[in-house]
Amino acid sequence: MCTPLSTGAVSAAALIVPWFCITLRGMPLAEDIITSRHRLTSYSERTVSINESVHQHSLILTADSLHSPWPVTALEQLDEQTLAPIFESQPAVVLLGTGSRQQFPDARIFGQFGERGIGLEVMDNGALCRTFNILVAEDRAVTAAIILPG
C-alpha cells in the first residue's frame, strides 16, 4: 500500500507519490516470454549475433526465418531483386539497418515499400537490434534487413 511521505503541509513529494503508486499498480509484473526462434543478442560495427551465433554478412531476419547471406553491402545495391526476399516475408514493417550510422536509401526504395503497404523504418544497426526484439516480443510481423560491410 502506498502512503504519503509526510502528514504535514503538502509538498512536491506528496503530490508525486499518488501518481507513482497508480503507475506501479498498473505495471505488469510477469516477464515477457519470447516465443520466436530468432532473437538478436548482440551487435558490433561489422557483426550481429542471432541467438549467440555471430554473423558477418548482411542478412534478412524475421521471428522465424533467416536469409543469409543477403548480397547487399551498401544502400546503392538495394533494388527490386535484392528486396524480393524481404517482400516475400509479407511483413507489416521492415527495419532497415544501415550500419553504424543511419543513412537513408533513395526515395524510389521508399516507394516500393509504399506500393505494397509495408512500413519502412531506417535506423543504425544498434537501434535495429533493440527495436526488432521488442517488436518480436509483441508478436508483430516485422522483418529486419541488416546491412553489414562486405
N, C-alpha and C. Protein backbone atom coordinates (compact mmCIF):
# COMPACT_ATOMS: atom_id res chain seq x y z
N MET A 1 0.83 -1.18 0.00
CA MET A 1 0.00 0.00 0.00
C MET A 1 0.87 1.23 0.00
N CYS A 2 0.50 2.23 -0.75
CA CYS A 2 1.26 3.47 -0.83
C CYS A 2 0.77 4.43 0.23
N THR A 3 1.72 5.03 0.92
CA THR A 3 1.36 6.03 1.92
C THR A 3 2.12 7.30 1.62
N PRO A 4 1.55 8.46 1.99
CA PRO A 4 2.25 9.72 1.77
C PRO A 4 3.55 9.75 2.56
N LEU A 5 4.50 10.57 2.08
CA LEU A 5 5.78 10.69 2.77
C LEU A 5 5.66 11.47 4.06
N SER A 6 4.72 12.42 4.12
CA SER A 6 4.55 13.21 5.34
C SER A 6 3.07 13.49 5.55
N THR A 7 2.72 13.82 6.78
CA THR A 7 1.33 14.15 7.10
C THR A 7 1.15 15.64 7.29
N GLY A 8 2.24 16.42 7.16
CA GLY A 8 2.18 17.86 7.36
C GLY A 8 1.71 18.58 6.11
N ALA A 9 2.28 19.71 5.84
CA ALA A 9 1.91 20.53 4.69
C ALA A 9 2.17 19.77 3.40
N VAL A 10 1.42 20.10 2.38
CA VAL A 10 1.55 19.42 1.09
C VAL A 10 2.88 19.81 0.47
N SER A 11 3.65 18.83 0.12
CA SER A 11 4.95 19.07 -0.51
C SER A 11 4.92 18.51 -1.93
N ALA A 12 5.97 18.83 -2.70
CA ALA A 12 6.06 18.30 -4.06
C ALA A 12 6.10 16.78 -4.02
N ALA A 13 6.79 16.22 -3.06
CA ALA A 13 6.88 14.76 -2.95
C ALA A 13 5.51 14.15 -2.70
N ALA A 14 4.67 14.81 -1.90
CA ALA A 14 3.33 14.29 -1.61
C ALA A 14 2.47 14.29 -2.86
N LEU A 15 2.70 15.22 -3.75
CA LEU A 15 1.94 15.24 -4.99
C LEU A 15 2.40 14.16 -5.95
N ILE A 16 3.67 13.80 -5.90
CA ILE A 16 4.22 12.79 -6.80
C ILE A 16 3.85 11.38 -6.36
N VAL A 17 3.83 11.12 -5.07
CA VAL A 17 3.61 9.78 -4.55
C VAL A 17 2.31 9.15 -5.06
N PRO A 18 1.14 9.81 -5.03
CA PRO A 18 -0.07 9.16 -5.54
C PRO A 18 0.06 8.76 -7.01
N TRP A 19 0.65 9.58 -7.83
CA TRP A 19 0.84 9.25 -9.25
C TRP A 19 1.76 8.04 -9.36
N PHE A 20 2.82 8.02 -8.59
CA PHE A 20 3.78 6.93 -8.60
C PHE A 20 3.10 5.62 -8.21
N CYS A 21 2.25 5.65 -7.21
CA CYS A 21 1.55 4.44 -6.75
C CYS A 21 0.61 3.92 -7.83
N ILE A 22 -0.10 4.81 -8.48
CA ILE A 22 -1.02 4.39 -9.54
C ILE A 22 -0.25 3.75 -10.69
N THR A 23 0.88 4.34 -11.03
CA THR A 23 1.69 3.81 -12.12
C THR A 23 2.20 2.41 -11.77
N LEU A 24 2.67 2.23 -10.57
CA LEU A 24 3.19 0.92 -10.17
C LEU A 24 2.09 -0.13 -10.16
N ARG A 25 0.91 0.22 -9.73
CA ARG A 25 -0.18 -0.76 -9.69
C ARG A 25 -0.56 -1.22 -11.09
N GLY A 26 -0.38 -0.36 -12.11
CA GLY A 26 -0.74 -0.72 -13.48
C GLY A 26 0.37 -1.46 -14.22
N MET A 27 1.55 -1.58 -13.62
CA MET A 27 2.69 -2.19 -14.29
C MET A 27 2.62 -3.71 -14.19
N PRO A 28 2.75 -4.41 -15.34
CA PRO A 28 2.73 -5.87 -15.27
C PRO A 28 4.01 -6.39 -14.60
N LEU A 29 3.85 -7.39 -13.79
CA LEU A 29 5.00 -7.95 -13.08
C LEU A 29 5.49 -9.24 -13.69
N ALA A 30 4.77 -9.77 -14.69
CA ALA A 30 5.17 -11.01 -15.33
C ALA A 30 6.22 -10.72 -16.40
N GLU A 31 7.16 -11.61 -16.55
CA GLU A 31 8.20 -11.48 -17.56
C GLU A 31 7.65 -11.83 -18.93
N ASP A 32 8.03 -11.02 -19.95
CA ASP A 32 7.65 -11.36 -21.32
C ASP A 32 8.42 -12.59 -21.76
N ILE A 33 7.73 -13.51 -22.40
CA ILE A 33 8.38 -14.71 -22.91
C ILE A 33 8.39 -14.61 -24.42
N ILE A 34 9.58 -14.63 -24.98
CA ILE A 34 9.72 -14.53 -26.43
C ILE A 34 9.62 -15.94 -26.99
N THR A 35 8.65 -16.13 -27.88
CA THR A 35 8.40 -17.46 -28.42
C THR A 35 9.00 -17.65 -29.81
N SER A 36 9.67 -16.64 -30.36
CA SER A 36 10.24 -16.77 -31.69
C SER A 36 11.52 -17.59 -31.65
N ARG A 37 11.90 -18.08 -32.80
CA ARG A 37 13.15 -18.85 -32.89
C ARG A 37 14.36 -17.94 -32.92
N HIS A 38 14.22 -16.71 -33.44
CA HIS A 38 15.36 -15.82 -33.61
C HIS A 38 15.26 -14.58 -32.73
N ARG A 39 16.38 -14.26 -32.12
CA ARG A 39 16.50 -13.06 -31.29
C ARG A 39 17.88 -12.48 -31.49
N LEU A 40 17.95 -11.18 -31.71
CA LEU A 40 19.24 -10.52 -31.86
C LEU A 40 19.84 -10.34 -30.47
N THR A 41 21.02 -10.94 -30.25
CA THR A 41 21.59 -10.95 -28.91
C THR A 41 22.76 -9.98 -28.74
N SER A 42 23.40 -9.57 -29.83
CA SER A 42 24.46 -8.56 -29.74
C SER A 42 24.79 -8.06 -31.14
N TYR A 43 25.57 -6.97 -31.18
CA TYR A 43 25.98 -6.41 -32.46
C TYR A 43 27.29 -5.65 -32.27
N SER A 44 27.98 -5.47 -33.37
CA SER A 44 29.16 -4.61 -33.41
C SER A 44 29.13 -3.89 -34.75
N GLU A 45 30.15 -3.16 -35.05
CA GLU A 45 30.18 -2.43 -36.32
C GLU A 45 30.16 -3.36 -37.52
N ARG A 46 30.71 -4.57 -37.37
CA ARG A 46 30.83 -5.49 -38.50
C ARG A 46 30.06 -6.79 -38.35
N THR A 47 29.37 -6.98 -37.22
CA THR A 47 28.67 -8.26 -36.99
C THR A 47 27.34 -8.05 -36.27
N VAL A 48 26.50 -9.07 -36.34
CA VAL A 48 25.33 -9.18 -35.47
C VAL A 48 25.28 -10.63 -34.98
N SER A 49 24.77 -10.81 -33.80
CA SER A 49 24.62 -12.16 -33.26
C SER A 49 23.15 -12.49 -33.12
N ILE A 50 22.78 -13.65 -33.63
CA ILE A 50 21.42 -14.15 -33.54
C ILE A 50 21.47 -15.40 -32.69
N ASN A 51 20.79 -15.36 -31.55
CA ASN A 51 20.84 -16.48 -30.60
C ASN A 51 22.28 -16.88 -30.30
N GLU A 52 23.12 -15.91 -30.10
CA GLU A 52 24.54 -16.07 -29.75
C GLU A 52 25.41 -16.55 -30.91
N SER A 53 24.87 -16.73 -32.10
CA SER A 53 25.63 -17.13 -33.28
C SER A 53 26.01 -15.87 -34.07
N VAL A 54 27.31 -15.66 -34.29
CA VAL A 54 27.80 -14.44 -34.92
C VAL A 54 27.68 -14.52 -36.44
N HIS A 55 27.15 -13.44 -37.04
CA HIS A 55 27.02 -13.33 -38.49
C HIS A 55 27.80 -12.11 -38.96
N GLN A 56 28.61 -12.29 -40.03
CA GLN A 56 29.46 -11.22 -40.54
C GLN A 56 29.02 -10.73 -41.90
N HIS A 57 27.88 -11.22 -42.40
CA HIS A 57 27.37 -10.82 -43.71
C HIS A 57 25.97 -10.25 -43.54
N SER A 58 25.60 -9.38 -44.45
CA SER A 58 24.25 -8.81 -44.43
C SER A 58 23.23 -9.94 -44.43
N LEU A 59 22.08 -9.69 -43.80
CA LEU A 59 21.07 -10.74 -43.68
C LEU A 59 19.68 -10.15 -43.54
N ILE A 60 18.70 -11.01 -43.77
CA ILE A 60 17.29 -10.67 -43.58
C ILE A 60 16.76 -11.62 -42.51
N LEU A 61 16.09 -11.05 -41.52
CA LEU A 61 15.67 -11.83 -40.35
C LEU A 61 14.22 -11.55 -40.01
N THR A 62 13.46 -12.61 -39.76
CA THR A 62 12.12 -12.48 -39.18
C THR A 62 12.15 -13.26 -37.87
N ALA A 63 11.05 -13.28 -37.18
CA ALA A 63 10.99 -14.03 -35.92
C ALA A 63 11.29 -15.51 -36.14
N ASP A 64 10.96 -16.03 -37.32
CA ASP A 64 11.10 -17.47 -37.56
C ASP A 64 11.97 -17.85 -38.76
N SER A 65 12.53 -16.88 -39.48
CA SER A 65 13.35 -17.24 -40.64
C SER A 65 14.59 -16.36 -40.73
N LEU A 66 15.61 -16.93 -41.35
CA LEU A 66 16.88 -16.23 -41.55
C LEU A 66 17.31 -16.42 -43.00
N HIS A 67 17.56 -15.33 -43.70
CA HIS A 67 18.04 -15.35 -45.08
C HIS A 67 19.45 -14.76 -45.04
N SER A 68 20.47 -15.64 -45.14
CA SER A 68 21.86 -15.20 -45.03
C SER A 68 22.73 -16.08 -45.90
N PRO A 69 23.68 -15.50 -46.58
CA PRO A 69 23.94 -14.07 -46.67
C PRO A 69 22.98 -13.38 -47.64
N TRP A 70 22.77 -12.11 -47.39
CA TRP A 70 21.98 -11.25 -48.26
C TRP A 70 22.99 -10.42 -49.04
N PRO A 71 22.98 -10.44 -50.37
CA PRO A 71 24.06 -9.84 -51.16
C PRO A 71 24.02 -8.31 -51.25
N VAL A 72 23.89 -7.66 -50.10
CA VAL A 72 23.86 -6.19 -50.06
C VAL A 72 24.90 -5.74 -49.05
N THR A 73 25.82 -4.89 -49.50
CA THR A 73 26.81 -4.33 -48.58
C THR A 73 26.75 -2.80 -48.54
N ALA A 74 25.86 -2.22 -49.37
CA ALA A 74 25.70 -0.76 -49.41
C ALA A 74 24.28 -0.43 -49.87
N LEU A 75 23.78 0.72 -49.45
CA LEU A 75 22.43 1.14 -49.82
C LEU A 75 22.21 1.18 -51.32
N GLU A 76 23.22 1.52 -52.06
CA GLU A 76 23.11 1.63 -53.52
C GLU A 76 22.78 0.30 -54.18
N GLN A 77 22.96 -0.79 -53.49
CA GLN A 77 22.67 -2.12 -54.04
C GLN A 77 21.20 -2.53 -53.86
N LEU A 78 20.42 -1.70 -53.18
CA LEU A 78 19.01 -2.04 -52.99
C LEU A 78 18.25 -1.81 -54.30
N ASP A 79 17.57 -2.86 -54.75
CA ASP A 79 16.74 -2.79 -55.96
C ASP A 79 15.67 -3.86 -55.86
N GLU A 80 14.87 -3.99 -56.89
CA GLU A 80 13.76 -4.96 -56.89
C GLU A 80 14.24 -6.38 -56.58
N GLN A 81 15.38 -6.75 -57.13
CA GLN A 81 15.90 -8.11 -56.94
C GLN A 81 16.40 -8.33 -55.51
N THR A 82 17.15 -7.38 -54.96
CA THR A 82 17.68 -7.58 -53.60
C THR A 82 16.60 -7.42 -52.54
N LEU A 83 15.53 -6.70 -52.88
CA LEU A 83 14.43 -6.53 -51.92
C LEU A 83 13.41 -7.67 -51.97
N ALA A 84 13.45 -8.51 -53.00
CA ALA A 84 12.47 -9.58 -53.18
C ALA A 84 12.33 -10.49 -51.96
N PRO A 85 13.43 -10.93 -51.32
CA PRO A 85 13.26 -11.80 -50.14
C PRO A 85 12.56 -11.09 -48.98
N ILE A 86 12.70 -9.79 -48.91
CA ILE A 86 12.01 -9.03 -47.86
C ILE A 86 10.52 -9.02 -48.13
N PHE A 87 10.16 -8.74 -49.38
CA PHE A 87 8.74 -8.67 -49.74
C PHE A 87 8.07 -10.04 -49.61
N GLU A 88 8.81 -11.12 -49.82
CA GLU A 88 8.26 -12.47 -49.70
C GLU A 88 7.82 -12.78 -48.27
N SER A 89 8.47 -12.17 -47.29
CA SER A 89 8.11 -12.44 -45.90
C SER A 89 6.82 -11.76 -45.48
N GLN A 90 6.26 -10.92 -46.33
CA GLN A 90 4.99 -10.22 -46.10
C GLN A 90 4.92 -9.54 -44.73
N PRO A 91 5.89 -8.69 -44.44
CA PRO A 91 5.88 -8.02 -43.14
C PRO A 91 4.92 -6.84 -43.10
N ALA A 92 4.56 -6.44 -41.91
CA ALA A 92 3.81 -5.19 -41.73
C ALA A 92 4.79 -4.02 -41.74
N VAL A 93 5.98 -4.27 -41.20
CA VAL A 93 7.01 -3.24 -41.14
C VAL A 93 8.38 -3.89 -41.36
N VAL A 94 9.25 -3.14 -42.03
CA VAL A 94 10.63 -3.57 -42.25
C VAL A 94 11.55 -2.58 -41.54
N LEU A 95 12.46 -3.13 -40.77
CA LEU A 95 13.51 -2.33 -40.15
C LEU A 95 14.75 -2.49 -41.01
N LEU A 96 15.23 -1.40 -41.58
CA LEU A 96 16.42 -1.43 -42.42
C LEU A 96 17.59 -0.87 -41.63
N GLY A 97 18.54 -1.74 -41.30
CA GLY A 97 19.74 -1.34 -40.57
C GLY A 97 20.84 -0.97 -41.55
N THR A 98 21.34 0.24 -41.44
CA THR A 98 22.28 0.76 -42.44
C THR A 98 23.72 0.85 -41.92
N GLY A 99 24.06 0.03 -40.95
CA GLY A 99 25.43 0.03 -40.44
C GLY A 99 25.55 0.78 -39.13
N SER A 100 26.72 1.37 -38.91
CA SER A 100 26.98 2.04 -37.64
C SER A 100 26.31 3.40 -37.53
N ARG A 101 25.80 3.92 -38.66
CA ARG A 101 25.05 5.17 -38.60
C ARG A 101 23.86 5.10 -39.55
N GLN A 102 22.85 5.88 -39.25
CA GLN A 102 21.63 5.89 -40.05
C GLN A 102 21.90 6.61 -41.38
N GLN A 103 21.53 5.94 -42.48
CA GLN A 103 21.63 6.52 -43.82
C GLN A 103 20.34 6.16 -44.56
N PHE A 104 19.79 7.10 -45.30
CA PHE A 104 18.52 6.86 -45.96
C PHE A 104 18.72 6.42 -47.41
N PRO A 105 17.96 5.40 -47.84
CA PRO A 105 18.03 4.96 -49.24
C PRO A 105 17.33 5.96 -50.15
N ASP A 106 17.47 5.76 -51.44
CA ASP A 106 16.83 6.58 -52.45
C ASP A 106 15.31 6.55 -52.25
N ALA A 107 14.65 7.63 -52.64
CA ALA A 107 13.19 7.74 -52.48
C ALA A 107 12.44 6.62 -53.20
N ARG A 108 12.98 6.10 -54.31
CA ARG A 108 12.30 5.03 -55.04
C ARG A 108 12.18 3.76 -54.19
N ILE A 109 13.10 3.56 -53.28
CA ILE A 109 13.05 2.40 -52.37
C ILE A 109 11.85 2.55 -51.44
N PHE A 110 11.67 3.75 -50.90
CA PHE A 110 10.51 4.01 -50.05
C PHE A 110 9.23 3.78 -50.85
N GLY A 111 9.25 4.17 -52.12
CA GLY A 111 8.08 3.98 -52.98
C GLY A 111 7.73 2.52 -53.17
N GLN A 112 8.73 1.66 -53.32
CA GLN A 112 8.47 0.23 -53.49
C GLN A 112 7.79 -0.36 -52.26
N PHE A 113 8.18 0.10 -51.09
CA PHE A 113 7.53 -0.38 -49.86
C PHE A 113 6.12 0.18 -49.75
N GLY A 114 5.97 1.46 -50.07
CA GLY A 114 4.67 2.11 -50.00
C GLY A 114 3.66 1.47 -50.94
N GLU A 115 4.09 1.09 -52.14
CA GLU A 115 3.20 0.44 -53.10
C GLU A 115 2.64 -0.87 -52.56
N ARG A 116 3.39 -1.52 -51.69
CA ARG A 116 2.98 -2.81 -51.13
C ARG A 116 2.30 -2.66 -49.76
N GLY A 117 2.20 -1.43 -49.28
CA GLY A 117 1.58 -1.20 -47.98
C GLY A 117 2.42 -1.66 -46.81
N ILE A 118 3.74 -1.65 -46.99
CA ILE A 118 4.68 -2.09 -45.96
C ILE A 118 5.40 -0.87 -45.40
N GLY A 119 5.42 -0.75 -44.10
CA GLY A 119 6.16 0.34 -43.45
C GLY A 119 7.65 0.09 -43.53
N LEU A 120 8.42 1.15 -43.70
CA LEU A 120 9.89 1.05 -43.75
C LEU A 120 10.47 2.03 -42.74
N GLU A 121 11.23 1.48 -41.79
CA GLU A 121 11.91 2.30 -40.79
C GLU A 121 13.41 2.11 -40.98
N VAL A 122 14.12 3.20 -41.14
CA VAL A 122 15.56 3.16 -41.39
C VAL A 122 16.28 3.60 -40.12
N MET A 123 17.27 2.82 -39.69
CA MET A 123 17.99 3.13 -38.46
C MET A 123 19.37 2.50 -38.49
N ASP A 124 20.21 2.89 -37.54
CA ASP A 124 21.52 2.23 -37.43
C ASP A 124 21.30 0.82 -36.88
N ASN A 125 22.30 -0.04 -37.03
CA ASN A 125 22.13 -1.45 -36.66
C ASN A 125 21.87 -1.67 -35.17
N GLY A 126 22.44 -0.83 -34.32
CA GLY A 126 22.18 -0.97 -32.89
C GLY A 126 20.73 -0.72 -32.55
N ALA A 127 20.17 0.35 -33.09
CA ALA A 127 18.76 0.66 -32.87
C ALA A 127 17.88 -0.44 -33.46
N LEU A 128 18.27 -0.96 -34.62
CA LEU A 128 17.51 -2.04 -35.25
C LEU A 128 17.44 -3.25 -34.32
N CYS A 129 18.56 -3.65 -33.75
CA CYS A 129 18.58 -4.83 -32.89
C CYS A 129 17.63 -4.66 -31.70
N ARG A 130 17.68 -3.52 -31.06
CA ARG A 130 16.80 -3.28 -29.91
C ARG A 130 15.33 -3.27 -30.34
N THR A 131 15.04 -2.58 -31.43
CA THR A 131 13.66 -2.44 -31.90
C THR A 131 13.10 -3.78 -32.37
N PHE A 132 13.90 -4.56 -33.10
CA PHE A 132 13.45 -5.86 -33.59
C PHE A 132 13.02 -6.75 -32.43
N ASN A 133 13.83 -6.85 -31.40
CA ASN A 133 13.50 -7.73 -30.28
C ASN A 133 12.21 -7.30 -29.59
N ILE A 134 12.00 -6.01 -29.46
CA ILE A 134 10.77 -5.52 -28.83
C ILE A 134 9.56 -5.87 -29.69
N LEU A 135 9.64 -5.62 -31.00
CA LEU A 135 8.51 -5.90 -31.88
C LEU A 135 8.21 -7.39 -31.97
N VAL A 136 9.23 -8.21 -31.96
CA VAL A 136 9.03 -9.67 -31.98
C VAL A 136 8.35 -10.12 -30.69
N ALA A 137 8.76 -9.54 -29.56
CA ALA A 137 8.14 -9.89 -28.28
C ALA A 137 6.66 -9.52 -28.26
N GLU A 138 6.29 -8.51 -29.05
CA GLU A 138 4.89 -8.09 -29.16
C GLU A 138 4.15 -8.86 -30.26
N ASP A 139 4.78 -9.88 -30.84
CA ASP A 139 4.21 -10.69 -31.93
C ASP A 139 3.84 -9.86 -33.15
N ARG A 140 4.65 -8.86 -33.47
CA ARG A 140 4.41 -8.03 -34.65
C ARG A 140 5.05 -8.69 -35.86
N ALA A 141 4.47 -8.48 -37.04
CA ALA A 141 5.00 -9.02 -38.30
C ALA A 141 6.11 -8.09 -38.77
N VAL A 142 7.31 -8.32 -38.27
CA VAL A 142 8.45 -7.45 -38.55
C VAL A 142 9.55 -8.24 -39.25
N THR A 143 10.20 -7.57 -40.18
CA THR A 143 11.37 -8.14 -40.86
C THR A 143 12.53 -7.17 -40.68
N ALA A 144 13.69 -7.70 -40.33
CA ALA A 144 14.90 -6.89 -40.20
C ALA A 144 15.80 -7.17 -41.40
N ALA A 145 16.20 -6.10 -42.07
CA ALA A 145 17.16 -6.19 -43.17
C ALA A 145 18.41 -5.46 -42.70
N ILE A 146 19.45 -6.22 -42.42
CA ILE A 146 20.65 -5.67 -41.78
C ILE A 146 21.80 -5.65 -42.79
N ILE A 147 22.29 -4.44 -43.06
CA ILE A 147 23.41 -4.27 -43.99
C ILE A 147 24.70 -4.23 -43.18
N LEU A 148 25.60 -5.15 -43.50
CA LEU A 148 26.92 -5.19 -42.88
C LEU A 148 27.98 -5.01 -43.99
N PRO A 149 29.12 -4.42 -43.65
CA PRO A 149 30.16 -4.25 -44.67
C PRO A 149 30.67 -5.60 -45.15
N GLY A 150 31.08 -5.65 -46.40
CA GLY A 150 31.50 -6.91 -47.03
C GLY A 150 32.71 -7.54 -46.50
